[in-house]
């Protein structure tokens, strides 16, 4: 079974993360499948708008911590960074359709899209501090631009989780709608974008993306370095032991 599914309809491409048994948690295979899908879209002029979503009622629950980071942490995280960069830079308008959990990397992968539409009861979570690891997915670049530096630090430091409705109110999501209306709402937005001026939209996207410079690519590289270090650190080991015992990690008294 493919871990990434791609479907097309009237200029709209839907890329679905497809590991529903693990709430679409990230693995190397999923990363490579998603990179291949985005590279194909970039080469295909008929693909005019993109929807990123997850299978089985979840967007993405973050990194699959039961899967190995091969061949090593830094190489793996730089490949994850390449996936995020492809989505961020893709010369097509992109929409994250979020239902269920969008946690850790899943939250930040959604923010790599141009627009985020969530079910009101979706869950956005920046849970890295709870796991004893640093942030990924471009969040150190995207979150401050969406909600400011102070709010970003609050969410990251305290491992905050937000409903889709709260995320929209804060500015992390563009819209939050009742779960039963999510598909229709995103279909309408995506079709409007697919029917729009593709080249002009791509130019608008490029201009907006660089408007506040510090570079996204520099942020991605710093994040890869940070996670490669923290994955090997004591706090990650503490969190791992606590997770195995279904306990809350105690970082102060290892």
Protein backbone atom coordinates (compact mmCIF):
# COMPACT_ATOMS: atom_id res chain seq x y z
CA UNK A 1 0.00 0.00 0.00
CA UNK A 2 1.39 3.36 -1.01
CA UNK A 3 2.01 5.75 1.87
CA UNK A 4 1.15 8.73 -0.36
CA UNK A 5 -1.86 8.84 -2.68
CA UNK A 6 -2.34 11.37 -5.48
CA UNK A 7 -5.70 12.02 -7.15
CA UNK A 8 -6.63 14.58 -9.80
CA UNK A 9 -9.90 16.27 -10.74
CA UNK A 10 -10.39 19.36 -12.91
CA UNK A 11 -6.99 20.86 -12.20
CA UNK A 12 -7.05 20.12 -8.47
CA UNK A 13 -4.49 17.62 -7.17
CA UNK A 14 -5.10 16.02 -3.79
CA UNK A 15 -2.07 14.54 -2.05
CA UNK A 16 -3.11 12.24 0.78
CA UNK A 17 -0.77 10.99 3.50
CA UNK A 18 -1.83 7.38 3.72
CA UNK A 19 -0.79 5.66 6.95
CA UNK A 20 -4.17 5.74 8.72
CA UNK A 21 -3.20 2.96 11.14
CA UNK A 22 -0.54 5.34 12.51
CA UNK A 23 -2.55 8.54 12.02
CA UNK A 24 -0.29 9.28 9.04
CA UNK A 25 2.85 9.58 11.14
CA UNK A 26 6.01 10.43 9.23
CA UNK A 27 8.43 7.75 7.98
CA UNK A 28 11.22 7.79 5.44
CA UNK A 29 8.98 6.07 2.90
CA UNK A 30 6.25 8.66 3.38
CA UNK A 31 8.79 11.49 3.01
CA UNK A 32 10.10 10.08 -0.26
CA UNK A 33 6.58 9.44 -1.57
CA UNK A 34 5.50 12.99 -0.79
CA UNK A 35 8.64 14.47 -2.37
CA UNK A 36 8.01 12.46 -5.54
CA UNK A 37 4.37 13.61 -5.63
CA UNK A 38 5.28 17.29 -5.27
CA UNK A 39 8.06 17.07 -7.85
CA UNK A 40 5.60 15.51 -10.30
CA UNK A 41 3.07 18.28 -9.65
CA UNK A 42 5.74 20.94 -10.27
CA UNK A 43 6.39 19.34 -13.69
CA UNK A 44 2.70 19.09 -14.63
CA UNK A 45 1.11 22.29 -15.97
CA UNK A 46 -2.41 20.84 -15.73
CA UNK A 47 -2.00 20.57 -11.95
CA UNK A 48 -3.23 24.03 -11.02
CA UNK A 49 -4.07 23.81 -7.30
CA UNK A 50 -3.02 21.38 -4.57
CA UNK A 51 -4.77 20.03 -1.49
CA UNK A 52 -2.68 18.27 1.18
CA UNK A 53 -4.60 16.03 3.56
CA UNK A 54 -4.45 12.76 5.50
CA UNK A 55 -6.34 9.47 5.38
CA UNK A 56 -8.58 7.98 8.03
CA UNK A 57 -9.73 11.11 9.82
CA UNK A 58 -6.25 12.40 10.74
CA UNK A 59 -3.96 14.91 9.06
CA UNK A 60 -0.58 13.83 10.47
CA UNK A 61 0.37 12.85 14.00
CA UNK A 62 4.00 13.90 13.58
CA UNK A 63 7.11 11.78 13.40
CA UNK A 64 6.68 8.02 13.75
CA UNK A 65 8.93 7.61 16.78
CA UNK A 66 8.85 3.84 16.36
CA UNK A 67 10.55 4.03 12.95
CA UNK A 68 14.31 4.42 12.47
CA UNK A 69 15.77 7.73 11.29
CA UNK A 70 17.96 6.41 8.49
CA UNK A 71 20.77 6.68 7.56
CA UNK A 72 21.26 9.13 10.46
CA UNK A 73 19.33 11.91 12.18
CA UNK A 74 20.79 14.85 10.27
CA UNK A 75 20.45 13.25 6.82
CA UNK A 76 16.87 12.20 7.60
CA UNK A 77 15.90 15.65 8.88
CA UNK A 78 17.44 17.38 5.88
CA UNK A 79 15.31 15.17 3.65
CA UNK A 80 12.28 16.18 5.71
CA UNK A 81 13.40 19.76 5.22
CA UNK A 82 13.53 19.18 1.46
CA UNK A 83 9.92 18.00 1.55
CA UNK A 84 8.86 21.12 3.47
CA UNK A 85 10.80 23.38 1.12
CA UNK A 86 9.22 21.79 -1.95
CA UNK A 87 5.75 22.40 -0.54
CA UNK A 88 6.56 25.93 0.61
CA UNK A 89 8.08 26.87 -2.77
CA UNK A 90 5.71 24.91 -5.05
CA UNK A 91 4.56 27.31 -7.79
CA UNK A 92 0.92 26.38 -7.24
CA UNK A 93 -1.55 27.53 -4.56
CA UNK A 94 -1.75 24.92 -1.81
CA UNK A 95 -4.36 24.19 0.84
CA UNK A 96 -3.92 22.02 3.93
CA UNK A 97 -7.21 20.28 4.71
CA UNK A 98 -6.94 19.37 8.39
CA UNK A 99 -9.17 17.04 10.33
CA UNK A 100 -8.21 15.13 13.44
CA UNK A 101 -4.66 15.54 14.75
CA UNK A 102 -2.09 17.78 13.10
CA UNK A 103 0.58 17.35 15.74
CA UNK A 104 4.31 18.09 15.82
CA UNK A 105 5.61 17.82 12.27
CA UNK A 106 2.00 17.40 11.13
CA UNK A 107 1.07 20.83 12.43
CA UNK A 108 4.06 22.47 10.80
CA UNK A 109 3.69 20.60 7.51
CA UNK A 110 0.19 22.08 7.28
CA UNK A 111 1.74 25.53 7.80
CA UNK A 112 4.00 24.96 4.80
CA UNK A 113 0.84 25.30 2.70
CA UNK A 114 -0.41 28.69 1.55
CA UNK A 115 -3.80 28.21 3.20
CA UNK A 116 -4.99 26.07 6.11
CA UNK A 117 -8.63 25.02 6.44
CA UNK A 118 -9.48 22.94 9.49
CA UNK A 119 -12.41 21.17 11.03
CA UNK A 120 -13.47 23.01 14.17
CA UNK A 121 -12.61 19.95 16.25
CA UNK A 122 -9.22 19.29 14.62
CA UNK A 123 -6.21 19.35 16.95
CA UNK A 124 -3.10 21.42 16.23
CA UNK A 125 -0.24 20.59 18.58
CA UNK A 126 3.36 21.77 18.97
CA UNK A 127 4.37 18.84 21.17
CA UNK A 128 8.14 18.89 20.71
CA UNK A 129 8.98 20.06 24.24
CA UNK A 130 7.01 17.13 25.66
CA UNK A 131 9.25 14.79 23.65
CA UNK A 132 12.51 16.47 24.56
CA UNK A 133 13.32 17.41 20.97
CA UNK A 134 13.59 20.63 18.99
CA UNK A 135 11.12 21.94 16.43
CA UNK A 136 10.90 20.97 12.75
CA UNK A 137 8.77 21.50 9.66
CA UNK A 138 9.66 25.17 9.25
CA UNK A 139 7.79 26.25 12.40
CA UNK A 140 10.61 28.49 13.60
CA UNK A 141 10.04 30.45 10.38
CA UNK A 142 6.28 30.19 9.84
CA UNK A 143 4.82 30.55 13.33
CA UNK A 144 6.45 33.90 14.22
CA UNK A 145 5.19 35.30 10.94
CA UNK A 146 1.66 34.10 11.64
CA UNK A 147 1.26 34.88 15.35
CA UNK A 148 4.36 36.76 16.50
CA UNK A 149 7.47 35.77 18.43
CA UNK A 150 5.99 35.81 21.95
CA UNK A 151 2.99 33.62 21.10
CA UNK A 152 5.24 31.26 19.16
CA UNK A 153 7.47 30.77 22.18
CA UNK A 154 4.45 30.21 24.42
CA UNK A 155 3.06 27.51 22.14
CA UNK A 156 6.42 25.80 21.64
CA UNK A 157 7.71 26.01 25.21
CA UNK A 158 4.50 24.71 26.79
CA UNK A 159 3.64 22.12 24.13
CA UNK A 160 0.31 23.82 23.45
CA UNK A 161 -2.54 22.09 21.67
CA UNK A 162 -5.32 24.04 19.96
CA UNK A 163 -8.62 23.07 18.39
CA UNK A 164 -9.18 24.01 14.78
CA UNK A 165 -11.46 26.80 15.95
CA UNK A 166 -8.79 28.15 18.31
CA UNK A 167 -6.15 27.87 15.60
CA UNK A 168 -8.29 29.98 13.26
CA UNK A 169 -8.96 32.56 15.96
CA UNK A 170 -5.21 32.83 16.63
CA UNK A 171 -4.31 33.06 12.95
CA UNK A 172 -2.64 29.67 12.52
CA UNK A 173 -5.49 28.43 10.32
CA UNK A 174 -7.30 30.56 7.76
CA UNK A 175 -10.71 29.05 8.44
CA UNK A 176 -12.32 26.53 10.78
CA UNK A 177 -15.58 24.94 9.68
CA UNK A 178 -17.82 22.17 11.07
CA UNK A 179 -16.31 18.80 10.21
CA UNK A 180 -19.27 17.88 8.01
CA UNK A 181 -18.62 20.94 5.84
CA UNK A 182 -14.84 20.58 5.51
CA UNK A 183 -14.74 18.62 2.25
CA UNK A 184 -17.18 20.92 0.45
CA UNK A 185 -15.48 24.09 1.68
CA UNK A 186 -12.01 22.96 0.59
CA UNK A 187 -13.33 21.69 -2.75
CA UNK A 188 -14.79 25.13 -3.45
CA UNK A 189 -11.62 26.99 -2.51
CA UNK A 190 -9.39 24.58 -4.43
CA UNK A 191 -11.54 24.73 -7.55
CA UNK A 192 -11.59 28.53 -7.42
CA UNK A 193 -7.78 28.52 -7.24
CA UNK A 194 -7.49 25.92 -10.01
CA UNK A 195 -9.71 28.08 -12.16
CA UNK A 196 -7.64 31.18 -11.43
CA UNK A 197 -4.55 32.71 -13.06
CA UNK A 198 -1.93 30.11 -12.27
CA UNK A 199 1.13 32.15 -13.23
CA UNK A 200 -0.09 35.24 -11.40
CA UNK A 201 -0.91 33.22 -8.30
CA UNK A 202 2.54 31.62 -8.43
CA UNK A 203 4.14 35.06 -8.65
CA UNK A 204 2.03 36.38 -5.76
CA UNK A 205 3.06 33.39 -3.69
CA UNK A 206 6.74 33.89 -4.46
CA UNK A 207 6.61 37.57 -3.61
CA UNK A 208 4.77 37.05 -0.34
CA UNK A 209 7.08 34.21 0.68
CA UNK A 210 10.17 36.41 0.51
CA UNK A 211 8.54 39.58 1.78
CA UNK A 212 9.82 39.34 5.35
CA UNK A 213 13.21 37.72 4.65
CA UNK A 214 15.13 35.70 6.82
CA UNK A 215 15.23 32.75 4.55
CA UNK A 216 13.03 29.70 4.99
CA UNK A 217 15.91 27.55 3.77
CA UNK A 218 18.19 28.83 6.51
CA UNK A 219 15.47 28.05 9.08
CA UNK A 220 15.06 24.52 7.71
CA UNK A 221 18.82 23.90 7.90
CA UNK A 222 19.03 25.19 11.47
CA UNK A 223 16.09 22.97 12.43
CA UNK A 224 17.74 19.90 10.90
CA UNK A 225 20.89 20.58 12.90
CA UNK A 226 18.88 21.21 16.08
CA UNK A 227 16.86 18.02 15.78
CA UNK A 228 19.89 15.91 14.89
CA UNK A 229 21.46 17.05 18.16
CA UNK A 230 18.35 16.75 20.32
CA UNK A 231 17.45 13.27 19.05
CA UNK A 232 20.73 12.09 20.61
CA UNK A 233 20.28 14.05 23.83
CA UNK A 234 19.26 13.08 27.33
CA UNK A 235 15.86 14.75 27.17
CA UNK A 236 14.81 12.66 24.18
CA UNK A 237 15.88 9.53 26.06
CA UNK A 238 13.88 10.62 29.12
CA UNK A 239 10.83 11.23 26.98
CA UNK A 240 11.30 7.91 25.21
CA UNK A 241 11.43 5.97 28.49
CA UNK A 242 8.38 7.80 29.79
CA UNK A 243 6.49 7.12 26.58
CA UNK A 244 7.21 3.39 26.86
CA UNK A 245 5.84 3.45 30.42
CA UNK A 246 2.92 5.71 29.44
CA UNK A 247 4.11 8.30 31.93
CA UNK A 248 4.65 12.04 31.76
CA UNK A 249 8.37 12.72 31.22
CA UNK A 250 10.19 14.39 34.08
CA UNK A 251 12.96 16.45 32.55
CA UNK A 252 14.08 18.05 35.83
CA UNK A 253 14.83 14.81 37.67
CA UNK A 254 16.12 12.22 35.21
